[in-house]
Full PDB file with SEQRES, HELIX, SHEET, SSBOND, CRYST1, ORIGX, SCALE, CONECT and MASTER records, all heavy atoms in Angstrom:
SEQRES   1 A   29  ARG VAL LEU ALA ALA ASN VAL ASN PHE PRO ASP ALA LEU          
SEQRES   2 A   29  LEU CYS ARG GLY HIS TYR GLN VAL ARG PRO PRO LEU PRO          
SEQRES   3 A   29  PHE THR PRO                                                  
HELIX    1 AA1 PHE A    9  ARG A   16  1                                   8    
CRYST1    1.000    1.000    1.000  90.00  90.00  90.00 P 1           1          
ORIGX1      1.000000  0.000000  0.000000        0.00000                         
ORIGX2      0.000000  1.000000  0.000000        0.00000                         
ORIGX3      0.000000  0.000000  1.000000        0.00000                         
SCALE1      1.000000  0.000000  0.000000        0.00000                         
SCALE2      0.000000  1.000000  0.000000        0.00000                         
SCALE3      0.000000  0.000000  1.000000        0.00000                         
ATOM      1  N   ARG A   1      10.705 -14.165  -3.955  1.00  0.00           N  
ATOM      2  CA  ARG A   1      11.551 -13.108  -4.502  1.00  0.00           C  
ATOM      3  C   ARG A   1      10.699 -12.313  -5.479  1.00  0.00           C  
ATOM      4  O   ARG A   1      10.094 -12.892  -6.391  1.00  0.00           O  
ATOM      5  CB  ARG A   1      12.771 -13.695  -5.207  1.00  0.00           C  
ATOM      6  CG  ARG A   1      13.718 -12.639  -5.774  1.00  0.00           C  
ATOM      7  CD  ARG A   1      15.024 -13.269  -6.234  1.00  0.00           C  
ATOM      8  NE  ARG A   1      14.862 -14.040  -7.441  1.00  0.00           N  
ATOM      9  CZ  ARG A   1      14.988 -13.560  -8.689  1.00  0.00           C  
ATOM     10  NH1 ARG A   1      15.267 -12.260  -8.871  1.00  0.00           N  
ATOM     11  NH2 ARG A   1      14.839 -14.342  -9.724  1.00  0.00           N  
ATOM     12  N   VAL A   2      10.612 -11.014  -5.295  1.00  0.00           N  
ATOM     13  CA  VAL A   2       9.741 -10.189  -6.121  1.00  0.00           C  
ATOM     14  C   VAL A   2      10.402  -9.952  -7.482  1.00  0.00           C  
ATOM     15  O   VAL A   2      11.492  -9.380  -7.573  1.00  0.00           O  
ATOM     16  CB  VAL A   2       9.452  -8.836  -5.435  1.00  0.00           C  
ATOM     17  CG1 VAL A   2       8.593  -7.963  -6.355  1.00  0.00           C  
ATOM     18  CG2 VAL A   2       8.743  -9.055  -4.095  1.00  0.00           C  
ATOM     19  N   LEU A   3       9.746 -10.420  -8.525  1.00  0.00           N  
ATOM     20  CA  LEU A   3      10.216 -10.205  -9.896  1.00  0.00           C  
ATOM     21  C   LEU A   3       9.652  -8.915 -10.480  1.00  0.00           C  
ATOM     22  O   LEU A   3      10.319  -8.248 -11.272  1.00  0.00           O  
ATOM     23  CB  LEU A   3       9.813 -11.400 -10.775  1.00  0.00           C  
ATOM     24  CG  LEU A   3      10.329 -12.768 -10.331  1.00  0.00           C  
ATOM     25  CD1 LEU A   3       9.771 -13.856 -11.237  1.00  0.00           C  
ATOM     26  CD2 LEU A   3      11.852 -12.806 -10.320  1.00  0.00           C  
ATOM     27  N   ALA A   4       8.432  -8.588 -10.097  1.00  0.00           N  
ATOM     28  CA  ALA A   4       7.780  -7.357 -10.567  1.00  0.00           C  
ATOM     29  C   ALA A   4       6.610  -7.067  -9.644  1.00  0.00           C  
ATOM     30  O   ALA A   4       5.939  -7.994  -9.160  1.00  0.00           O  
ATOM     31  CB  ALA A   4       7.295  -7.512 -12.008  1.00  0.00           C  
ATOM     32  N   ALA A   5       6.363  -5.777  -9.389  1.00  0.00           N  
ATOM     33  CA  ALA A   5       5.257  -5.365  -8.524  1.00  0.00           C  
ATOM     34  C   ALA A   5       4.431  -4.317  -9.241  1.00  0.00           C  
ATOM     35  O   ALA A   5       4.949  -3.262  -9.648  1.00  0.00           O  
ATOM     36  CB  ALA A   5       5.792  -4.804  -7.201  1.00  0.00           C  
ATOM     37  N   ASN A   6       3.156  -4.602  -9.420  1.00  0.00           N  
ATOM     38  CA  ASN A   6       2.265  -3.673 -10.099  1.00  0.00           C  
ATOM     39  C   ASN A   6       1.852  -2.536  -9.165  1.00  0.00           C  
ATOM     40  O   ASN A   6       1.657  -2.733  -7.966  1.00  0.00           O  
ATOM     41  CB  ASN A   6       1.016  -4.423 -10.574  1.00  0.00           C  
ATOM     42  CG  ASN A   6       0.083  -3.553 -11.388  1.00  0.00           C  
ATOM     43  OD1 ASN A   6       0.529  -2.742 -12.174  1.00  0.00           O  
ATOM     44  ND2 ASN A   6      -1.210  -3.723 -11.191  1.00  0.00           N  
ATOM     45  N   VAL A   7       1.715  -1.330  -9.731  1.00  0.00           N  
ATOM     46  CA  VAL A   7       1.258  -0.176  -8.955  1.00  0.00           C  
ATOM     47  C   VAL A   7      -0.246  -0.046  -9.131  1.00  0.00           C  
ATOM     48  O   VAL A   7      -0.749   0.085 -10.246  1.00  0.00           O  
ATOM     49  CB  VAL A   7       1.951   1.121  -9.407  1.00  0.00           C  
ATOM     50  CG1 VAL A   7       1.447   2.307  -8.587  1.00  0.00           C  
ATOM     51  CG2 VAL A   7       3.464   0.984  -9.270  1.00  0.00           C  
ATOM     52  N   ASN A   8      -0.977  -0.093  -8.023  1.00  0.00           N  
ATOM     53  CA  ASN A   8      -2.432   0.035  -8.025  1.00  0.00           C  
ATOM     54  C   ASN A   8      -2.850   1.303  -7.286  1.00  0.00           C  
ATOM     55  O   ASN A   8      -2.143   1.784  -6.394  1.00  0.00           O  
ATOM     56  CB  ASN A   8      -3.069  -1.166  -7.320  1.00  0.00           C  
ATOM     57  CG  ASN A   8      -3.025  -2.417  -8.162  1.00  0.00           C  
ATOM     58  OD1 ASN A   8      -3.849  -2.617  -9.034  1.00  0.00           O  
ATOM     59  ND2 ASN A   8      -2.054  -3.295  -7.895  1.00  0.00           N  
ATOM     60  N   PHE A   9      -4.022   1.826  -7.629  1.00  0.00           N  
ATOM     61  CA  PHE A   9      -4.543   3.010  -6.943  1.00  0.00           C  
ATOM     62  C   PHE A   9      -4.684   2.786  -5.438  1.00  0.00           C  
ATOM     63  O   PHE A   9      -4.395   3.701  -4.646  1.00  0.00           O  
ATOM     64  CB  PHE A   9      -5.889   3.412  -7.558  1.00  0.00           C  
ATOM     65  CG  PHE A   9      -6.425   4.719  -7.046  1.00  0.00           C  
ATOM     66  CD1 PHE A   9      -5.813   5.929  -7.368  1.00  0.00           C  
ATOM     67  CD2 PHE A   9      -7.550   4.752  -6.233  1.00  0.00           C  
ATOM     68  CE1 PHE A   9      -6.304   7.131  -6.881  1.00  0.00           C  
ATOM     69  CE2 PHE A   9      -8.053   5.946  -5.754  1.00  0.00           C  
ATOM     70  CZ  PHE A   9      -7.420   7.146  -6.082  1.00  0.00           C  
ATOM     71  N   PRO A  10      -5.086   1.588  -4.976  1.00  0.00           N  
ATOM     72  CA  PRO A  10      -5.124   1.380  -3.530  1.00  0.00           C  
ATOM     73  C   PRO A  10      -3.785   1.579  -2.824  1.00  0.00           C  
ATOM     74  O   PRO A  10      -3.753   1.878  -1.625  1.00  0.00           O  
ATOM     75  CB  PRO A  10      -5.609  -0.067  -3.401  1.00  0.00           C  
ATOM     76  CG  PRO A  10      -6.452  -0.283  -4.603  1.00  0.00           C  
ATOM     77  CD  PRO A  10      -5.736   0.471  -5.689  1.00  0.00           C  
ATOM     78  N   ASP A  11      -2.669   1.413  -3.547  1.00  0.00           N  
ATOM     79  CA  ASP A  11      -1.369   1.677  -2.930  1.00  0.00           C  
ATOM     80  C   ASP A  11      -1.274   3.148  -2.495  1.00  0.00           C  
ATOM     81  O   ASP A  11      -0.734   3.459  -1.424  1.00  0.00           O  
ATOM     82  CB  ASP A  11      -0.229   1.341  -3.894  1.00  0.00           C  
ATOM     83  CG  ASP A  11      -0.140  -0.139  -4.195  1.00  0.00           C  
ATOM     84  OD1 ASP A  11      -0.276  -0.946  -3.249  1.00  0.00           O  
ATOM     85  OD2 ASP A  11       0.067  -0.495  -5.374  1.00  0.00           O  
ATOM     86  N   ALA A  12      -1.797   4.032  -3.314  1.00  0.00           N  
ATOM     87  CA  ALA A  12      -1.809   5.454  -2.970  1.00  0.00           C  
ATOM     88  C   ALA A  12      -2.738   5.712  -1.783  1.00  0.00           C  
ATOM     89  O   ALA A  12      -2.406   6.498  -0.880  1.00  0.00           O  
ATOM     90  CB  ALA A  12      -2.237   6.289  -4.172  1.00  0.00           C  
ATOM     91  N   LEU A  13      -3.896   5.045  -1.787  1.00  0.00           N  
ATOM     92  CA  LEU A  13      -4.829   5.216  -0.667  1.00  0.00           C  
ATOM     93  C   LEU A  13      -4.210   4.719   0.637  1.00  0.00           C  
ATOM     94  O   LEU A  13      -4.431   5.320   1.703  1.00  0.00           O  
ATOM     95  CB  LEU A  13      -6.133   4.475  -0.961  1.00  0.00           C  
ATOM     96  CG  LEU A  13      -6.945   4.973  -2.166  1.00  0.00           C  
ATOM     97  CD1 LEU A  13      -8.209   4.119  -2.327  1.00  0.00           C  
ATOM     98  CD2 LEU A  13      -7.315   6.437  -2.020  1.00  0.00           C  
ATOM     99  N   LEU A  14      -3.454   3.634   0.571  1.00  0.00           N  
ATOM    100  CA  LEU A  14      -2.781   3.132   1.763  1.00  0.00           C  
ATOM    101  C   LEU A  14      -1.788   4.157   2.292  1.00  0.00           C  
ATOM    102  O   LEU A  14      -1.703   4.402   3.498  1.00  0.00           O  
ATOM    103  CB  LEU A  14      -2.069   1.820   1.448  1.00  0.00           C  
ATOM    104  CG  LEU A  14      -2.951   0.573   1.337  1.00  0.00           C  
ATOM    105  CD1 LEU A  14      -2.184  -0.566   0.681  1.00  0.00           C  
ATOM    106  CD2 LEU A  14      -3.475   0.153   2.699  1.00  0.00           C  
ATOM    107  N   CYS A  15      -1.025   4.775   1.374  1.00  0.00           N  
ATOM    108  CA  CYS A  15      -0.069   5.804   1.791  1.00  0.00           C  
ATOM    109  C   CYS A  15      -0.788   6.963   2.479  1.00  0.00           C  
ATOM    110  O   CYS A  15      -0.309   7.505   3.485  1.00  0.00           O  
ATOM    111  CB  CYS A  15       0.712   6.315   0.582  1.00  0.00           C  
ATOM    112  SG  CYS A  15       1.881   5.128  -0.125  1.00  0.00           S  
ATOM    113  N   ARG A  16      -1.927   7.340   1.941  1.00  0.00           N  
ATOM    114  CA  ARG A  16      -2.670   8.486   2.470  1.00  0.00           C  
ATOM    115  C   ARG A  16      -3.430   8.148   3.752  1.00  0.00           C  
ATOM    116  O   ARG A  16      -3.935   9.028   4.436  1.00  0.00           O  
ATOM    117  CB  ARG A  16      -3.661   8.987   1.422  1.00  0.00           C  
ATOM    118  CG  ARG A  16      -3.013   9.630   0.202  1.00  0.00           C  
ATOM    119  CD  ARG A  16      -4.023   9.831  -0.907  1.00  0.00           C  
ATOM    120  NE  ARG A  16      -3.482  10.614  -2.024  1.00  0.00           N  
ATOM    121  CZ  ARG A  16      -4.065  10.718  -3.214  1.00  0.00           C  
ATOM    122  NH1 ARG A  16      -5.222  10.090  -3.439  1.00  0.00           N  
ATOM    123  NH2 ARG A  16      -3.505  11.452  -4.161  1.00  0.00           N  
ATOM    124  N   GLY A  17      -3.563   6.852   4.051  1.00  0.00           N  
ATOM    125  CA  GLY A  17      -4.376   6.437   5.188  1.00  0.00           C  
ATOM    126  C   GLY A  17      -5.850   6.466   4.884  1.00  0.00           C  
ATOM    127  O   GLY A  17      -6.675   6.526   5.800  1.00  0.00           O  
ATOM    128  N   HIS A  18      -6.222   6.373   3.591  1.00  0.00           N  
ATOM    129  CA  HIS A  18      -7.614   6.470   3.172  1.00  0.00           C  
ATOM    130  C   HIS A  18      -8.198   5.136   2.736  1.00  0.00           C  
ATOM    131  O   HIS A  18      -9.332   5.090   2.237  1.00  0.00           O  
ATOM    132  CB  HIS A  18      -7.746   7.480   2.027  1.00  0.00           C  
ATOM    133  CG  HIS A  18      -7.452   8.890   2.422  1.00  0.00           C  
ATOM    134  ND1 HIS A  18      -7.267   9.917   1.502  1.00  0.00           N  
ATOM    135  CD2 HIS A  18      -7.298   9.456   3.645  1.00  0.00           C  
ATOM    136  CE1 HIS A  18      -7.008  11.034   2.147  1.00  0.00           C  
ATOM    137  NE2 HIS A  18      -7.023  10.790   3.445  1.00  0.00           N  
ATOM    138  N   TYR A  19      -7.436   4.058   2.844  1.00  0.00           N  
ATOM    139  CA  TYR A  19      -7.956   2.764   2.413  1.00  0.00           C  
ATOM    140  C   TYR A  19      -8.861   2.192   3.502  1.00  0.00           C  
ATOM    141  O   TYR A  19      -8.902   2.689   4.635  1.00  0.00           O  
ATOM    142  CB  TYR A  19      -6.787   1.808   2.118  1.00  0.00           C  
ATOM    143  CG  TYR A  19      -7.177   0.617   1.273  1.00  0.00           C  
ATOM    144  CD1 TYR A  19      -7.691   0.765  -0.006  1.00  0.00           C  
ATOM    145  CD2 TYR A  19      -7.035  -0.679   1.772  1.00  0.00           C  
ATOM    146  CE1 TYR A  19      -8.060  -0.328  -0.773  1.00  0.00           C  
ATOM    147  CE2 TYR A  19      -7.401  -1.784   1.008  1.00  0.00           C  
ATOM    148  CZ  TYR A  19      -7.909  -1.592  -0.253  1.00  0.00           C  
ATOM    149  OH  TYR A  19      -8.284  -2.687  -1.009  1.00  0.00           O  
ATOM    150  N   GLN A  20      -9.602   1.111   3.137  1.00  0.00           N  
ATOM    151  CA  GLN A  20     -10.544   0.521   4.096  1.00  0.00           C  
ATOM    152  C   GLN A  20      -9.840   0.013   5.348  1.00  0.00           C  
ATOM    153  O   GLN A  20     -10.426  -0.019   6.439  1.00  0.00           O  
ATOM    154  CB  GLN A  20     -11.314  -0.643   3.435  1.00  0.00           C  
ATOM    155  CG  GLN A  20     -12.231  -0.206   2.297  1.00  0.00           C  
ATOM    156  CD  GLN A  20     -11.597  -0.412   0.941  1.00  0.00           C  
ATOM    157  OE1 GLN A  20     -10.449  -0.028   0.746  1.00  0.00           O  
ATOM    158  NE2 GLN A  20     -12.328  -1.004   0.007  1.00  0.00           N  
ATOM    159  N   VAL A  21      -8.606  -0.424   5.185  1.00  0.00           N  
ATOM    160  CA  VAL A  21      -7.805  -0.858   6.327  1.00  0.00           C  
ATOM    161  C   VAL A  21      -6.564   0.026   6.399  1.00  0.00           C  
ATOM    162  O   VAL A  21      -6.108   0.570   5.388  1.00  0.00           O  
ATOM    163  CB  VAL A  21      -7.386  -2.336   6.205  1.00  0.00           C  
ATOM    164  CG1 VAL A  21      -8.599  -3.234   6.252  1.00  0.00           C  
ATOM    165  CG2 VAL A  21      -6.588  -2.586   4.933  1.00  0.00           C  
ATOM    166  N   ARG A  22      -6.030   0.180   7.605  1.00  0.00           N  
ATOM    167  CA  ARG A  22      -4.844   1.004   7.817  1.00  0.00           C  
ATOM    168  C   ARG A  22      -3.782   0.156   8.502  1.00  0.00           C  
ATOM    169  O   ARG A  22      -3.863  -0.091   9.706  1.00  0.00           O  
ATOM    170  CB  ARG A  22      -5.182   2.247   8.643  1.00  0.00           C  
ATOM    171  CG  ARG A  22      -6.198   3.160   7.985  1.00  0.00           C  
ATOM    172  CD  ARG A  22      -6.435   4.434   8.782  1.00  0.00           C  
ATOM    173  NE  ARG A  22      -5.259   5.280   8.806  1.00  0.00           N  
ATOM    174  CZ  ARG A  22      -5.254   6.516   9.316  1.00  0.00           C  
ATOM    175  NH1 ARG A  22      -6.362   7.023   9.835  1.00  0.00           N  
ATOM    176  NH2 ARG A  22      -4.147   7.226   9.299  1.00  0.00           N  
ATOM    177  N   PRO A  23      -2.793  -0.297   7.733  1.00  0.00           N  
ATOM    178  CA  PRO A  23      -1.742  -1.111   8.346  1.00  0.00           C  
ATOM    179  C   PRO A  23      -0.932  -0.300   9.350  1.00  0.00           C  
ATOM    180  O   PRO A  23      -0.820   0.922   9.223  1.00  0.00           O  
ATOM    181  CB  PRO A  23      -0.882  -1.531   7.148  1.00  0.00           C  
ATOM    182  CG  PRO A  23      -1.160  -0.513   6.099  1.00  0.00           C  
ATOM    183  CD  PRO A  23      -2.586  -0.082   6.302  1.00  0.00           C  
ATOM    184  N   PRO A  24      -0.367  -0.956  10.340  1.00  0.00           N  
ATOM    185  CA  PRO A  24       0.445  -0.229  11.320  1.00  0.00           C  
ATOM    186  C   PRO A  24       1.708   0.350  10.669  1.00  0.00           C  
ATOM    187  O   PRO A  24       2.315  -0.284   9.805  1.00  0.00           O  
ATOM    188  CB  PRO A  24       0.796  -1.304  12.365  1.00  0.00           C  
ATOM    189  CG  PRO A  24       0.656  -2.604  11.633  1.00  0.00           C  
ATOM    190  CD  PRO A  24      -0.442  -2.402  10.637  1.00  0.00           C  
ATOM    191  N   LEU A  25       2.080   1.548  11.089  1.00  0.00           N  
ATOM    192  CA  LEU A  25       3.294   2.191  10.572  1.00  0.00           C  
ATOM    193  C   LEU A  25       4.508   1.629  11.298  1.00  0.00           C  
ATOM    194  O   LEU A  25       4.453   1.311  12.487  1.00  0.00           O  
ATOM    195  CB  LEU A  25       3.193   3.706  10.809  1.00  0.00           C  
ATOM    196  CG  LEU A  25       2.046   4.430  10.085  1.00  0.00           C  
ATOM    197  CD1 LEU A  25       1.925   5.858  10.605  1.00  0.00           C  
ATOM    198  CD2 LEU A  25       2.263   4.439   8.583  1.00  0.00           C  
ATOM    199  N   PRO A  26       5.652   1.500  10.581  1.00  0.00           N  
ATOM    200  CA  PRO A  26       5.812   1.673   9.142  1.00  0.00           C  
ATOM    201  C   PRO A  26       5.370   0.413   8.396  1.00  0.00           C  
ATOM    202  O   PRO A  26       5.400  -0.680   8.944  1.00  0.00           O  
ATOM    203  CB  PRO A  26       7.314   1.894   8.991  1.00  0.00           C  
ATOM    204  CG  PRO A  26       7.912   1.101  10.105  1.00  0.00           C  
ATOM    205  CD  PRO A  26       6.940   1.194  11.249  1.00  0.00           C  
ATOM    206  N   PHE A  27       4.955   0.566   7.147  1.00  0.00           N  
ATOM    207  CA  PHE A  27       4.554  -0.575   6.350  1.00  0.00           C  
ATOM    208  C   PHE A  27       5.066  -0.407   4.921  1.00  0.00           C  
ATOM    209  O   PHE A  27       5.418   0.695   4.493  1.00  0.00           O  
ATOM    210  CB  PHE A  27       3.023  -0.733   6.343  1.00  0.00           C  
ATOM    211  CG  PHE A  27       2.297   0.363   5.619  1.00  0.00           C  
ATOM    212  CD1 PHE A  27       2.029   0.274   4.254  1.00  0.00           C  
ATOM    213  CD2 PHE A  27       1.868   1.501   6.296  1.00  0.00           C  
ATOM    214  CE1 PHE A  27       1.359   1.286   3.590  1.00  0.00           C  
ATOM    215  CE2 PHE A  27       1.185   2.521   5.643  1.00  0.00           C  
ATOM    216  CZ  PHE A  27       0.939   2.419   4.273  1.00  0.00           C  
ATOM    217  N   THR A  28       5.104  -1.507   4.214  1.00  0.00           N  
ATOM    218  CA  THR A  28       5.509  -1.519   2.808  1.00  0.00           C  
ATOM    219  C   THR A  28       4.281  -1.685   1.930  1.00  0.00           C  
ATOM    220  O   THR A  28       3.587  -2.715   2.039  1.00  0.00           O  
ATOM    221  CB  THR A  28       6.501  -2.673   2.534  1.00  0.00           C  
ATOM    222  OG1 THR A  28       7.684  -2.475   3.300  1.00  0.00           O  
ATOM    223  CG2 THR A  28       6.870  -2.734   1.057  1.00  0.00           C  
ATOM    224  N   PRO A  29       3.962  -0.711   1.067  1.00  0.00           N  
ATOM    225  CA  PRO A  29       2.825  -0.890   0.154  1.00  0.00           C  
ATOM    226  C   PRO A  29       3.192  -1.842  -0.984  1.00  0.00           C  
ATOM    227  O   PRO A  29       4.311  -2.330  -1.058  1.00  0.00           O  
ATOM    228  CB  PRO A  29       2.559   0.537  -0.344  1.00  0.00           C  
ATOM    229  CG  PRO A  29       3.870   1.239  -0.202  1.00  0.00           C  
ATOM    230  CD  PRO A  29       4.595   0.598   0.948  1.00  0.00           C  
TER     231      PRO A  29                                                      
MASTER        0    0    0    1    0    0    0    6  230    1    0    3          
END                                                                             
């Protein structure tokens, strides 16, 4: 159960499709 989730810069890169890996759409960052 998620109590808190930190926001990291890689989360933005994942949204943009610019991270080293690209999860299949749709995905939860």
